[in-house]
């Protein structure tokens, strides 16, 4: 990581989009987030923000791995933006066969280091 980004644990925010569908790489993704996210933020503001659909149990499985590590506080937010939420609700009301919230609607998963894991 140091050769790629200049230093490990250098970022206050890590953004991840639609990366949970490969279950075999959940541990690697968690490790990557851990290596990129700053550890020494005294305010507890450093966080990883993941936007991804549930896709069956893939999000739950990733969250289980993160919880089992003991290093993370996880928060899932379904309604994180009024425009996105309105579009989602409209698609649900239309009952379009092509729209499946489980695979199309991204939830916001915020990951923060637990206090004792910050450095």
PDB file of N, CA and C in Angstrom:
ATOM      1  N   UNK A   1       0.820  -1.199   0.000  1.00  0.00           N
ATOM      2  CA  UNK A   1       0.000   0.000   0.000  1.00  0.00           C
ATOM      3  C   UNK A   1       0.855   1.250   0.000  1.00  0.00           C
ATOM      4  N   UNK A   2       1.950   1.211   0.721  1.00  0.00           N
ATOM      5  CA  UNK A   2       2.796   2.395   0.790  1.00  0.00           C
ATOM      6  C   UNK A   2       3.309   2.777  -0.593  1.00  0.00           C
ATOM      7  N   UNK A   3       3.694   1.788  -1.393  1.00  0.00           N
ATOM      8  CA  UNK A   3       4.204   2.097  -2.725  1.00  0.00           C
ATOM      9  C   UNK A   3       3.108   2.635  -3.650  1.00  0.00           C
ATOM     10  N   UNK A   4       1.857   2.243  -3.407  1.00  0.00           N
ATOM     11  CA  UNK A   4       0.758   2.717  -4.242  1.00  0.00           C
ATOM     12  C   UNK A   4       0.234   4.080  -3.817  1.00  0.00           C
ATOM     13  N   UNK A   5       0.138   4.319  -2.516  1.00  0.00           N
ATOM     14  CA  UNK A   5      -0.545   5.507  -2.019  1.00  0.00           C
ATOM     15  C   UNK A   5       0.336   6.438  -1.206  1.00  0.00           C
ATOM     16  N   UNK A   6       1.602   6.104  -1.018  1.00  0.00           N
ATOM     17  CA  UNK A   6       2.500   6.964  -0.261  1.00  0.00           C
ATOM     18  C   UNK A   6       2.586   6.571   1.204  1.00  0.00           C
ATOM     19  N   UNK A   7       1.524   6.045   1.752  1.00  0.00           N
ATOM     20  CA  UNK A   7       1.528   5.602   3.146  1.00  0.00           C
ATOM     21  C   UNK A   7       0.272   4.784   3.412  1.00  0.00           C
ATOM     22  N   UNK A   8       0.420   3.824   4.280  1.00  0.00           N
ATOM     23  CA  UNK A   8      -0.761   3.069   4.699  1.00  0.00           C
ATOM     24  C   UNK A   8      -1.536   3.916   5.694  1.00  0.00           C
ATOM     25  N   UNK A   9      -2.814   3.648   5.819  1.00  0.00           N
ATOM     26  CA  UNK A   9      -3.682   4.343   6.770  1.00  0.00           C
ATOM     27  C   UNK A   9      -3.637   5.862   6.584  1.00  0.00           C
ATOM     28  N   UNK A  10      -3.696   6.292   5.329  1.00  0.00           N
ATOM     29  CA  UNK A  10      -3.515   7.706   5.011  1.00  0.00           C
ATOM     30  C   UNK A  10      -4.806   8.456   4.707  1.00  0.00           C
ATOM     31  N   UNK A  11      -5.939   7.778   4.631  1.00  0.00           N
ATOM     32  CA  UNK A  11      -7.146   8.421   4.152  1.00  0.00           C
ATOM     33  C   UNK A  11      -8.224   8.537   5.228  1.00  0.00           C
ATOM     34  N   UNK A  12      -8.854   9.713   5.284  1.00  0.00           N
ATOM     35  CA  UNK A  12      -9.959   9.929   6.216  1.00  0.00           C
ATOM     36  C   UNK A  12     -11.248   9.296   5.704  1.00  0.00           C
ATOM     37  N   UNK A  13     -11.368   9.160   4.398  1.00  0.00           N
ATOM     38  CA  UNK A  13     -12.538   8.545   3.775  1.00  0.00           C
ATOM     39  C   UNK A  13     -12.085   7.531   2.736  1.00  0.00           C
ATOM     40  N   UNK A  14     -12.753   6.409   2.754  1.00  0.00           N
ATOM     41  CA  UNK A  14     -12.574   5.397   1.717  1.00  0.00           C
ATOM     42  C   UNK A  14     -13.959   5.149   1.140  1.00  0.00           C
ATOM     43  N   UNK A  15     -14.091   5.315  -0.169  1.00  0.00           N
ATOM     44  CA  UNK A  15     -15.373   5.114  -0.843  1.00  0.00           C
ATOM     45  C   UNK A  15     -15.339   3.803  -1.624  1.00  0.00           C
ATOM     46  N   UNK A  16     -16.365   3.000  -1.434  1.00  0.00           N
ATOM     47  CA  UNK A  16     -16.445   1.691  -2.076  1.00  0.00           C
ATOM     48  C   UNK A  16     -17.828   1.586  -2.715  1.00  0.00           C
ATOM     49  N   UNK A  17     -17.863   1.211  -3.982  1.00  0.00           N
ATOM     50  CA  UNK A  17     -19.145   1.117  -4.674  1.00  0.00           C
ATOM     51  C   UNK A  17     -19.319  -0.264  -5.293  1.00  0.00           C
ATOM     52  N   UNK A  18     -20.423  -0.918  -4.916  1.00  0.00           N
ATOM     53  CA  UNK A  18     -20.855  -2.181  -5.521  1.00  0.00           C
ATOM     54  C   UNK A  18     -19.742  -3.229  -5.585  1.00  0.00           C
ATOM     55  N   UNK A  19     -19.094  -3.461  -4.461  1.00  0.00           N
ATOM     56  CA  UNK A  19     -17.955  -4.394  -4.426  1.00  0.00           C
ATOM     57  C   UNK A  19     -18.160  -5.609  -3.533  1.00  0.00           C
ATOM     58  N   UNK A  20     -19.375  -5.895  -3.129  1.00  0.00           N
ATOM     59  CA  UNK A  20     -19.587  -7.011  -2.207  1.00  0.00           C
ATOM     60  C   UNK A  20     -20.076  -8.280  -2.873  1.00  0.00           C
ATOM     61  N   UNK A  21     -20.292  -8.265  -4.170  1.00  0.00           N
ATOM     62  CA  UNK A  21     -20.909  -9.418  -4.820  1.00  0.00           C
ATOM     63  C   UNK A  21     -19.970 -10.614  -4.940  1.00  0.00           C
ATOM     64  N   UNK A  22     -18.651 -10.403  -4.861  1.00  0.00           N
ATOM     65  CA  UNK A  22     -17.707 -11.520  -4.871  1.00  0.00           C
ATOM     66  C   UNK A  22     -17.386 -11.909  -3.433  1.00  0.00           C
ATOM     67  N   UNK A  23     -18.112 -12.868  -2.913  1.00  0.00           N
ATOM     68  CA  UNK A  23     -17.958 -13.277  -1.508  1.00  0.00           C
ATOM     69  C   UNK A  23     -16.556 -13.761  -1.182  1.00  0.00           C
ATOM     70  N   UNK A  24     -15.893 -14.369  -2.167  1.00  0.00           N
ATOM     71  CA  UNK A  24     -14.548 -14.894  -1.922  1.00  0.00           C
ATOM     72  C   UNK A  24     -13.545 -13.793  -1.602  1.00  0.00           C
ATOM     73  N   UNK A  25     -13.892 -12.550  -1.876  1.00  0.00           N
ATOM     74  CA  UNK A  25     -12.960 -11.440  -1.662  1.00  0.00           C
ATOM     75  C   UNK A  25     -13.371 -10.525  -0.511  1.00  0.00           C
ATOM     76  N   UNK A  26     -14.343 -10.920   0.285  1.00  0.00           N
ATOM     77  CA  UNK A  26     -14.770 -10.087   1.407  1.00  0.00           C
ATOM     78  C   UNK A  26     -13.634  -9.831   2.397  1.00  0.00           C
ATOM     79  N   UNK A  27     -12.889 -10.849   2.732  1.00  0.00           N
ATOM     80  CA  UNK A  27     -11.783 -10.679   3.677  1.00  0.00           C
ATOM     81  C   UNK A  27     -10.736  -9.739   3.084  1.00  0.00           C
ATOM     82  N   UNK A  28     -10.436  -9.905   1.799  1.00  0.00           N
ATOM     83  CA  UNK A  28      -9.458  -9.036   1.142  1.00  0.00           C
ATOM     84  C   UNK A  28      -9.946  -7.588   1.094  1.00  0.00           C
ATOM     85  N   UNK A  29     -11.224  -7.390   0.829  1.00  0.00           N
ATOM     86  CA  UNK A  29     -11.781  -6.043   0.802  1.00  0.00           C
ATOM     87  C   UNK A  29     -11.698  -5.406   2.187  1.00  0.00           C
ATOM     88  N   UNK A  30     -12.034  -6.156   3.205  1.00  0.00           N
ATOM     89  CA  UNK A  30     -11.946  -5.639   4.572  1.00  0.00           C
ATOM     90  C   UNK A  30     -10.502  -5.263   4.911  1.00  0.00           C
ATOM     91  N   UNK A  31      -9.561  -6.088   4.510  1.00  0.00           N
ATOM     92  CA  UNK A  31      -8.144  -5.806   4.739  1.00  0.00           C
ATOM     93  C   UNK A  31      -7.725  -4.536   3.988  1.00  0.00           C
ATOM     94  N   UNK A  32      -8.182  -4.387   2.761  1.00  0.00           N
ATOM     95  CA  UNK A  32      -7.846  -3.200   1.970  1.00  0.00           C
ATOM     96  C   UNK A  32      -8.385  -1.944   2.637  1.00  0.00           C
ATOM     97  N   UNK A  33      -9.629  -1.979   3.083  1.00  0.00           N
ATOM     98  CA  UNK A  33     -10.213  -0.836   3.794  1.00  0.00           C
ATOM     99  C   UNK A  33      -9.403  -0.533   5.049  1.00  0.00           C
ATOM    100  N   UNK A  34      -9.044  -1.572   5.794  1.00  0.00           N
ATOM    101  CA  UNK A  34      -8.261  -1.408   7.013  1.00  0.00           C
ATOM    102  C   UNK A  34      -6.913  -0.750   6.722  1.00  0.00           C
ATOM    103  N   UNK A  35      -6.276  -1.140   5.630  1.00  0.00           N
ATOM    104  CA  UNK A  35      -4.962  -0.588   5.284  1.00  0.00           C
ATOM    105  C   UNK A  35      -5.040   0.847   4.771  1.00  0.00           C
ATOM    106  N   UNK A  36      -6.142   1.227   4.151  1.00  0.00           N
ATOM    107  CA  UNK A  36      -6.264   2.567   3.586  1.00  0.00           C
ATOM    108  C   UNK A  36      -6.777   3.598   4.582  1.00  0.00           C
ATOM    109  N   UNK A  37      -7.671   3.198   5.466  1.00  0.00           N
ATOM    110  CA  UNK A  37      -8.348   4.143   6.348  1.00  0.00           C
ATOM    111  C   UNK A  37      -7.435   4.573   7.493  1.00  0.00           C
ATOM    112  N   UNK A  38      -7.422   5.881   7.752  1.00  0.00           N
ATOM    113  CA  UNK A  38      -6.606   6.443   8.829  1.00  0.00           C
ATOM    114  C   UNK A  38      -6.970   5.812  10.163  1.00  0.00           C
ATOM    115  N   UNK A  39      -5.965   5.612  11.000  1.00  0.00           N
ATOM    116  CA  UNK A  39      -6.195   5.041  12.323  1.00  0.00           C
ATOM    117  C   UNK A  39      -6.122   6.084  13.425  1.00  0.00           C
ATOM    118  N   UNK A  40      -5.493   7.208  13.145  1.00  0.00           N
ATOM    119  CA  UNK A  40      -5.192   8.164  14.215  1.00  0.00           C
ATOM    120  C   UNK A  40      -6.112   9.378  14.239  1.00  0.00           C
ATOM    121  N   UNK A  41      -7.330   9.204  13.821  1.00  0.00           N
ATOM    122  CA  UNK A  41      -8.297  10.292  13.846  1.00  0.00           C
ATOM    123  C   UNK A  41      -8.913  10.376  15.238  1.00  0.00           C
ATOM    124  N   UNK A  42      -8.471  11.339  16.029  1.00  0.00           N
ATOM    125  CA  UNK A  42      -8.950  11.479  17.408  1.00  0.00           C
ATOM    126  C   UNK A  42     -10.441  11.776  17.489  1.00  0.00           C
ATOM    127  N   UNK A  43     -10.992  12.380  16.448  1.00  0.00           N
ATOM    128  CA  UNK A  43     -12.413  12.735  16.451  1.00  0.00           C
ATOM    129  C   UNK A  43     -13.315  11.580  16.038  1.00  0.00           C
ATOM    130  N   UNK A  44     -12.736  10.505  15.586  1.00  0.00           N
ATOM    131  CA  UNK A  44     -13.546   9.371  15.142  1.00  0.00           C
ATOM    132  C   UNK A  44     -14.254   9.630  13.838  1.00  0.00           C
ATOM    133  N   UNK A  45     -13.710  10.539  13.031  1.00  0.00           N
ATOM    134  CA  UNK A  45     -14.373  10.907  11.782  1.00  0.00           C
ATOM    135  C   UNK A  45     -13.949  10.071  10.583  1.00  0.00           C
ATOM    136  N   UNK A  46     -12.861   9.371  10.659  1.00  0.00           N
ATOM    137  CA  UNK A  46     -12.431   8.537   9.537  1.00  0.00           C
ATOM    138  C   UNK A  46     -13.446   7.417   9.342  1.00  0.00           C
ATOM    139  N   UNK A  47     -13.861   7.223   8.101  1.00  0.00           N
ATOM    140  CA  UNK A  47     -14.848   6.175   7.843  1.00  0.00           C
ATOM    141  C   UNK A  47     -14.755   5.668   6.416  1.00  0.00           C
ATOM    142  N   UNK A  48     -15.177   4.435   6.257  1.00  0.00           N
ATOM    143  CA  UNK A  48     -15.341   3.858   4.929  1.00  0.00           C
ATOM    144  C   UNK A  48     -16.829   3.899   4.617  1.00  0.00           C
ATOM    145  N   UNK A  49     -17.157   4.365   3.438  1.00  0.00           N
ATOM    146  CA  UNK A  49     -18.543   4.453   2.997  1.00  0.00           C
ATOM    147  C   UNK A  49     -18.720   3.500   1.824  1.00  0.00           C
ATOM    148  N   UNK A  50     -19.558   2.506   2.015  1.00  0.00           N
ATOM    149  CA  UNK A  50     -19.812   1.519   0.977  1.00  0.00           C
ATOM    150  C   UNK A  50     -21.242   1.682   0.490  1.00  0.00           C
ATOM    151  N   UNK A  51     -21.417   1.830  -0.788  1.00  0.00           N
ATOM    152  CA  UNK A  51     -22.743   1.872  -1.404  1.00  0.00           C
ATOM    153  C   UNK A  51     -22.898   0.597  -2.216  1.00  0.00           C
ATOM    154  N   UNK A  52     -23.823  -0.235  -1.770  1.00  0.00           N
ATOM    155  CA  UNK A  52     -23.988  -1.510  -2.443  1.00  0.00           C
ATOM    156  C   UNK A  52     -25.358  -2.102  -2.122  1.00  0.00           C
ATOM    157  N   UNK A  53     -25.924  -2.809  -3.071  1.00  0.00           N
ATOM    158  CA  UNK A  53     -27.201  -3.479  -2.802  1.00  0.00           C
ATOM    159  C   UNK A  53     -26.979  -4.690  -1.912  1.00  0.00           C
ATOM    160  N   UNK A  54     -28.057  -5.174  -1.311  1.00  0.00           N
ATOM    161  CA  UNK A  54     -27.963  -6.349  -0.423  1.00  0.00           C
ATOM    162  C   UNK A  54     -27.524  -7.596  -1.186  1.00  0.00           C
ATOM    163  N   UNK A  55     -28.038  -7.790  -2.391  1.00  0.00           N
ATOM    164  CA  UNK A  55     -27.728  -8.975  -3.217  1.00  0.00           C
ATOM    165  C   UNK A  55     -27.853 -10.262  -2.407  1.00  0.00           C
ATOM    166  N   UNK A  56     -29.071 -10.527  -1.991  1.00  0.00           N
ATOM    167  CA  UNK A  56     -29.287 -11.723  -1.164  1.00  0.00           C
ATOM    168  C   UNK A  56     -28.639 -11.525   0.191  1.00  0.00           C
ATOM    169  N   UNK A  57     -27.682 -12.375   0.507  1.00  0.00           N
ATOM    170  CA  UNK A  57     -27.024 -12.257   1.801  1.00  0.00           C
ATOM    171  C   UNK A  57     -25.581 -11.760   1.698  1.00  0.00           C
ATOM    172  N   UNK A  58     -25.174 -11.244   0.529  1.00  0.00           N
ATOM    173  CA  UNK A  58     -23.768 -10.851   0.378  1.00  0.00           C
ATOM    174  C   UNK A  58     -23.381  -9.705   1.312  1.00  0.00           C
ATOM    175  N   UNK A  59     -24.239  -8.699   1.452  1.00  0.00           N
ATOM    176  CA  UNK A  59     -23.916  -7.602   2.359  1.00  0.00           C
ATOM    177  C   UNK A  59     -23.875  -8.106   3.800  1.00  0.00           C
ATOM    178  N   UNK A  60     -24.829  -8.937   4.165  1.00  0.00           N
ATOM    179  CA  UNK A  60     -24.865  -9.485   5.525  1.00  0.00           C
ATOM    180  C   UNK A  60     -23.613 -10.304   5.827  1.00  0.00           C
ATOM    181  N   UNK A  61     -23.162 -11.074   4.866  1.00  0.00           N
ATOM    182  CA  UNK A  61     -21.950 -11.894   5.068  1.00  0.00           C
ATOM    183  C   UNK A  61     -20.730 -11.000   5.264  1.00  0.00           C
ATOM    184  N   UNK A  62     -20.603  -9.935   4.466  1.00  0.00           N
ATOM    185  CA  UNK A  62     -19.486  -9.009   4.634  1.00  0.00           C
ATOM    186  C   UNK A  62     -19.547  -8.354   6.013  1.00  0.00           C
ATOM    187  N   UNK A  63     -20.731  -7.921   6.414  1.00  0.00           N
ATOM    188  CA  UNK A  63     -20.887  -7.274   7.714  1.00  0.00           C
ATOM    189  C   UNK A  63     -20.552  -8.256   8.848  1.00  0.00           C
ATOM    190  N   UNK A  64     -20.885  -9.502   8.679  1.00  0.00           N
ATOM    191  CA  UNK A  64     -20.575 -10.516   9.684  1.00  0.00           C
ATOM    192  C   UNK A  64     -19.054 -10.650   9.847  1.00  0.00           C
ATOM    193  N   UNK A  65     -18.333 -10.680   8.744  1.00  0.00           N
ATOM    194  CA  UNK A  65     -16.874 -10.764   8.789  1.00  0.00           C
ATOM    195  C   UNK A  65     -16.303  -9.530   9.489  1.00  0.00           C
ATOM    196  N   UNK A  66     -16.832  -8.356   9.144  1.00  0.00           N
ATOM    197  CA  UNK A  66     -16.350  -7.120   9.768  1.00  0.00           C
ATOM    198  C   UNK A  66     -16.631  -7.128  11.268  1.00  0.00           C
ATOM    199  N   UNK A  67     -17.815  -7.555  11.665  1.00  0.00           N
ATOM    200  CA  UNK A  67     -18.162  -7.612  13.100  1.00  0.00           C
ATOM    201  C   UNK A  67     -17.279  -8.618  13.839  1.00  0.00           C
ATOM    202  N   UNK A  68     -17.072  -9.765  13.224  1.00  0.00           N
ATOM    203  CA  UNK A  68     -16.264 -10.808  13.865  1.00  0.00           C
ATOM    204  C   UNK A  68     -14.824 -10.367  14.084  1.00  0.00           C
ATOM    205  N   UNK A  69     -14.350  -9.427  13.260  1.00  0.00           N
ATOM    206  CA  UNK A  69     -12.983  -8.931  13.443  1.00  0.00           C
ATOM    207  C   UNK A  69     -12.858  -8.129  14.738  1.00  0.00           C
ATOM    208  N   UNK A  70     -13.992  -7.612  15.227  1.00  0.00           N
ATOM    209  CA  UNK A  70     -13.984  -6.829  16.458  1.00  0.00           C
ATOM    210  C   UNK A  70     -13.458  -5.419  16.300  1.00  0.00           C
ATOM    211  N   UNK A  71     -13.147  -5.011  15.080  1.00  0.00           N
ATOM    212  CA  UNK A  71     -12.506  -3.718  14.858  1.00  0.00           C
ATOM    213  C   UNK A  71     -13.437  -2.617  14.370  1.00  0.00           C
ATOM    214  N   UNK A  72     -14.671  -2.958  14.013  1.00  0.00           N
ATOM    215  CA  UNK A  72     -15.507  -2.011  13.298  1.00  0.00           C
ATOM    216  C   UNK A  72     -16.869  -1.788  13.949  1.00  0.00           C
ATOM    217  N   UNK A  73     -17.324  -0.551  13.836  1.00  0.00           N
ATOM    218  CA  UNK A  73     -18.707  -0.199  14.124  1.00  0.00           C
ATOM    219  C   UNK A  73     -19.378  -0.005  12.775  1.00  0.00           C
ATOM    220  N   UNK A  74     -20.506  -0.653  12.566  1.00  0.00           N
ATOM    221  CA  UNK A  74     -21.193  -0.625  11.272  1.00  0.00           C
ATOM    222  C   UNK A  74     -22.556   0.029  11.414  1.00  0.00           C
ATOM    223  N   UNK A  75     -22.886   0.865  10.431  1.00  0.00           N
ATOM    224  CA  UNK A  75     -24.196   1.499  10.377  1.00  0.00           C
ATOM    225  C   UNK A  75     -24.722   1.387   8.957  1.00  0.00           C
ATOM    226  N   UNK A  76     -25.918   0.848   8.808  1.00  0.00           N
ATOM    227  CA  UNK A  76     -26.554   0.745   7.489  1.00  0.00           C
ATOM    228  C   UNK A  76     -27.668   1.774   7.419  1.00  0.00           C
ATOM    229  N   UNK A  77     -27.662   2.552   6.339  1.00  0.00           N
ATOM    230  CA  UNK A  77     -28.690   3.561   6.114  1.00  0.00           C
ATOM    231  C   UNK A  77     -29.376   3.264   4.789  1.00  0.00           C
ATOM    232  N   UNK A  78     -30.696   3.129   4.851  1.00  0.00           N
ATOM    233  CA  UNK A  78     -31.462   2.843   3.644  1.00  0.00           C
ATOM    234  C   UNK A  78     -31.833   4.137   2.908  1.00  0.00           C
ATOM    235  N   UNK A  79     -32.180   5.163   3.672  1.00  0.00           N
ATOM    236  CA  UNK A  79     -32.603   6.430   3.067  1.00  0.00           C
ATOM    237  C   UNK A  79     -31.536   7.491   3.355  1.00  0.00           C
ATOM    238  N   UNK A  80     -30.577   7.600   2.461  1.00  0.00           N
ATOM    239  CA  UNK A  80     -29.421   8.483   2.640  1.00  0.00           C
ATOM    240  C   UNK A  80     -29.464   9.707   1.732  1.00  0.00           C
ATOM    241  N   UNK A  81     -30.380   9.735   0.773  1.00  0.00           N
ATOM    242  CA  UNK A  81     -30.489  10.861  -0.152  1.00  0.00           C
ATOM    243  C   UNK A  81     -31.937  10.937  -0.629  1.00  0.00           C
ATOM    244  N   UNK A  82     -32.544  12.111  -0.525  1.00  0.00           N
ATOM    245  CA  UNK A  82     -33.958  12.258  -0.870  1.00  0.00           C
ATOM    246  C   UNK A  82     -34.246  11.980  -2.349  1.00  0.00           C
ATOM    247  N   UNK A  83     -33.349  12.394  -3.232  1.00  0.00           N
ATOM    248  CA  UNK A  83     -33.573  12.185  -4.666  1.00  0.00           C
ATOM    249  C   UNK A  83     -33.486  10.693  -5.007  1.00  0.00           C
ATOM    250  N   UNK A  84     -32.471  10.041  -4.489  1.00  0.00           N
ATOM    251  CA  UNK A  84     -32.302   8.610  -4.741  1.00  0.00           C
ATOM    252  C   UNK A  84     -33.472   7.829  -4.142  1.00  0.00           C
ATOM    253  N   UNK A  85     -33.884   8.210  -2.926  1.00  0.00           N
ATOM    254  CA  UNK A  85     -34.996   7.532  -2.264  1.00  0.00           C
ATOM    255  C   UNK A  85     -36.298   7.691  -3.062  1.00  0.00           C
ATOM    256  N   UNK A  86     -36.546   8.897  -3.564  1.00  0.00           N
ATOM    257  CA  UNK A  86     -37.769   9.147  -4.339  1.00  0.00           C
ATOM    258  C   UNK A  86     -37.783   8.290  -5.611  1.00  0.00           C
ATOM    259  N   UNK A  87     -36.653   8.201  -6.270  1.00  0.00           N
ATOM    260  CA  UNK A  87     -36.566   7.374  -7.477  1.00  0.00           C
ATOM    261  C   UNK A  87     -36.809   5.898  -7.134  1.00  0.00           C
ATOM    262  N   UNK A  88     -36.214   5.451  -6.058  1.00  0.00           N
ATOM    263  CA  UNK A  88     -36.394   4.081  -5.583  1.00  0.00           C
ATOM    264  C   UNK A  88     -37.880   3.805  -5.303  1.00  0.00           C
ATOM    265  N   UNK A  89     -38.530   4.705  -4.586  1.00  0.00           N
ATOM    266  CA  UNK A  89     -39.946   4.536  -4.254  1.00  0.00           C
ATOM    267  C   UNK A  89     -40.813   4.522  -5.514  1.00  0.00           C
ATOM    268  N   UNK A  90     -40.487   5.380  -6.452  1.00  0.00           N
ATOM    269  CA  UNK A  90     -41.237   5.426  -7.717  1.00  0.00           C
ATOM    270  C   UNK A  90     -41.113   4.100  -8.463  1.00  0.00           C
ATOM    271  N   UNK A  91     -39.915   3.566  -8.512  1.00  0.00           N
ATOM    272  CA  UNK A  91     -39.709   2.287  -9.197  1.00  0.00           C
ATOM    273  C   UNK A  91     -40.444   1.153  -8.486  1.00  0.00           C
ATOM    274  N   UNK A  92     -40.489   1.195  -7.169  1.00  0.00           N
ATOM    275  CA  UNK A  92     -41.230   0.170  -6.425  1.00  0.00           C
ATOM    276  C   UNK A  92     -42.733   0.252  -6.701  1.00  0.00           C
ATOM    277  N   UNK A  93     -43.260   1.480  -6.767  1.00  0.00           N
ATOM    278  CA  UNK A  93     -44.699   1.658  -7.043  1.00  0.00           C
ATOM    279  C   UNK A  93     -45.068   1.219  -8.446  1.00  0.00           C
ATOM    280  N   UNK A  94     -44.176   1.427  -9.386  1.00  0.00           N
ATOM    281  CA  UNK A  94     -44.447   1.046 -10.783  1.00  0.00           C
ATOM    282  C   UNK A  94     -44.406  -0.464 -10.977  1.00  0.00           C
ATOM    283  N   UNK A  95     -43.823  -1.149 -10.014  1.00  0.00           N
ATOM    284  CA  UNK A  95     -43.698  -2.605 -10.084  1.00  0.00           C
ATOM    285  C   UNK A  95     -43.105  -3.067 -11.416  1.00  0.00           C
ATOM    286  N   UNK A  96     -42.074  -2.360 -11.819  1.00  0.00           N
ATOM    287  CA  UNK A  96     -41.391  -2.756 -13.049  1.00  0.00           C
ATOM    288  C   UNK A  96     -40.655  -4.066 -12.824  1.00  0.00           C
ATOM    289  N   UNK A  97     -40.874  -4.990 -13.726  1.00  0.00           N
ATOM    290  CA  UNK A  97     -40.248  -6.303 -13.594  1.00  0.00           C
ATOM    291  C   UNK A  97     -38.725  -6.206 -13.641  1.00  0.00           C
ATOM    292  N   UNK A  98     -38.203  -5.186 -14.294  1.00  0.00           N
ATOM    293  CA  UNK A  98     -36.755  -5.075 -14.423  1.00  0.00           C
ATOM    294  C   UNK A  98     -36.087  -4.483 -13.177  1.00  0.00           C
ATOM    295  N   UNK A  99     -36.873  -3.895 -12.251  1.00  0.00           N
ATOM    296  CA  UNK A  99     -36.294  -3.304 -11.051  1.00  0.00           C
ATOM    297  C   UNK A  99     -36.450  -4.252  -9.874  1.00  0.00           C
ATOM    298  N   UNK A 100     -35.328  -4.661  -9.335  1.00  0.00           N
ATOM    299  CA  UNK A 100     -35.305  -5.526  -8.160  1.00  0.00           C
ATOM    300  C   UNK A 100     -34.455  -4.814  -7.114  1.00  0.00           C
ATOM    301  N   UNK A 101     -35.092  -4.294  -6.084  1.00  0.00           N
ATOM    302  CA  UNK A 101     -34.388  -3.517  -5.064  1.00  0.00           C
ATOM    303  C   UNK A 101     -33.230  -4.308  -4.457  1.00  0.00           C
ATOM    304  N   UNK A 102     -33.362  -5.600  -4.339  1.00  0.00           N
ATOM    305  CA  UNK A 102     -32.312  -6.421  -3.741  1.00  0.00           C
ATOM    306  C   UNK A 102     -30.999  -6.345  -4.505  1.00  0.00           C
ATOM    307  N   UNK A 103     -31.084  -6.175  -5.808  1.00  0.00           N
ATOM    308  CA  UNK A 103     -29.848  -6.108  -6.608  1.00  0.00           C
ATOM    309  C   UNK A 103     -29.597  -4.734  -7.228  1.00  0.00           C
ATOM    310  N   UNK A 104     -30.583  -3.835  -7.173  1.00  0.00           N
ATOM    311  CA  UNK A 104     -30.430  -2.527  -7.805  1.00  0.00           C
ATOM    312  C   UNK A 104     -30.321  -1.351  -6.841  1.00  0.00           C
ATOM    313  N   UNK A 105     -30.948  -1.434  -5.668  1.00  0.00           N
ATOM    314  CA  UNK A 105     -30.942  -0.285  -4.765  1.00  0.00           C
ATOM    315  C   UNK A 105     -29.763  -0.367  -3.792  1.00  0.00           C
ATOM    316  N   UNK A 106     -28.838   0.587  -3.905  1.00  0.00           N
ATOM    317  CA  UNK A 106     -27.687   0.547  -3.001  1.00  0.00           C
ATOM    318  C   UNK A 106     -28.023   1.087  -1.615  1.00  0.00           C
ATOM    319  N   UNK A 107     -27.620   0.335  -0.614  1.00  0.00           N
ATOM    320  CA  UNK A 107     -27.690   0.785   0.769  1.00  0.00           C
ATOM    321  C   UNK A 107     -26.360   1.436   1.111  1.00  0.00           C
ATOM    322  N   UNK A 108     -26.372   2.305   2.101  1.00  0.00           N
ATOM    323  CA  UNK A 108     -25.136   2.948   2.543  1.00  0.00           C
ATOM    324  C   UNK A 108     -24.662   2.243   3.809  1.00  0.00           C
ATOM    325  N   UNK A 109     -23.496   1.647   3.730  1.00  0.00           N
ATOM    326  CA  UNK A 109     -22.864   1.010   4.880  1.00  0.00           C
ATOM    327  C   UNK A 109     -21.687   1.886   5.297  1.00  0.00           C
ATOM    328  N   UNK A 110     -21.761   2.405   6.522  1.00  0.00           N
ATOM    329  CA  UNK A 110     -20.655   3.207   7.052  1.00  0.00           C
ATOM    330  C   UNK A 110     -19.880   2.358   8.049  1.00  0.00           C
ATOM    331  N   UNK A 111     -18.576   2.337   7.856  1.00  0.00           N
ATOM    332  CA  UNK A 111     -17.688   1.586   8.741  1.00  0.00           C
ATOM    333  C   UNK A 111     -16.759   2.560   9.450  1.00  0.00           C
ATOM    334  N   UNK A 112     -16.729   2.488  10.760  1.00  0.00           N
ATOM    335  CA  UNK A 112     -15.791   3.284  11.555  1.00  0.00           C
ATOM    336  C   UNK A 112     -15.027   2.338  12.471  1.00  0.00           C
ATOM    337  N   UNK A 113     -13.787   2.686  12.704  1.00  0.00           N
ATOM    338  CA  UNK A 113     -12.998   1.881  13.634  1.00  0.00           C
ATOM    339  C   UNK A 113     -13.546   2.040  15.036  1.00  0.00           C
ATOM    340  N   UNK A 114     -13.565   0.948  15.771  1.00  0.00           N
ATOM    341  CA  UNK A 114     -13.925   1.054  17.177  1.00  0.00           C
ATOM    342  C   UNK A 114     -12.835   1.845  17.890  1.00  0.00           C
ATOM    343  N   UNK A 115     -13.186   2.521  18.934  1.00  0.00           N
ATOM    344  CA  UNK A 115     -12.286   3.420  19.651  1.00  0.00           C
ATOM    345  C   UNK A 115     -10.924   2.763  19.955  1.00  0.00           C
ATOM    346  N   UNK A 116     -10.948   1.533  20.415  1.00  0.00           N
ATOM    347  CA  UNK A 116      -9.695   0.858  20.779  1.00  0.00           C
ATOM    348  C   UNK A 116      -8.894   0.377  19.570  1.00  0.00           C
ATOM    349  N   UNK A 117      -9.419   0.571  18.348  1.00  0.00           N
ATOM    350  CA  UNK A 117      -8.738   0.121  17.126  1.00  0.00           C
ATOM    351  C   UNK A 117      -8.161   1.282  16.326  1.00  0.00           C
ATOM    352  N   UNK A 118      -8.114   2.463  16.887  1.00  0.00           N
ATOM    353  CA  UNK A 118      -7.733   3.646  16.109  1.00  0.00           C
ATOM    354  C   UNK A 118      -6.261   3.991  16.166  1.00  0.00           C
ATOM    355  N   UNK A 119      -5.470   3.224  16.731  1.00  0.00           N
ATOM    356  CA  UNK A 119      -4.068   3.591  16.659  1.00  0.00           C
ATOM    357  C   UNK A 119      -3.359   3.527  17.887  1.00  0.00           C
TER     358      UNK A 119
END
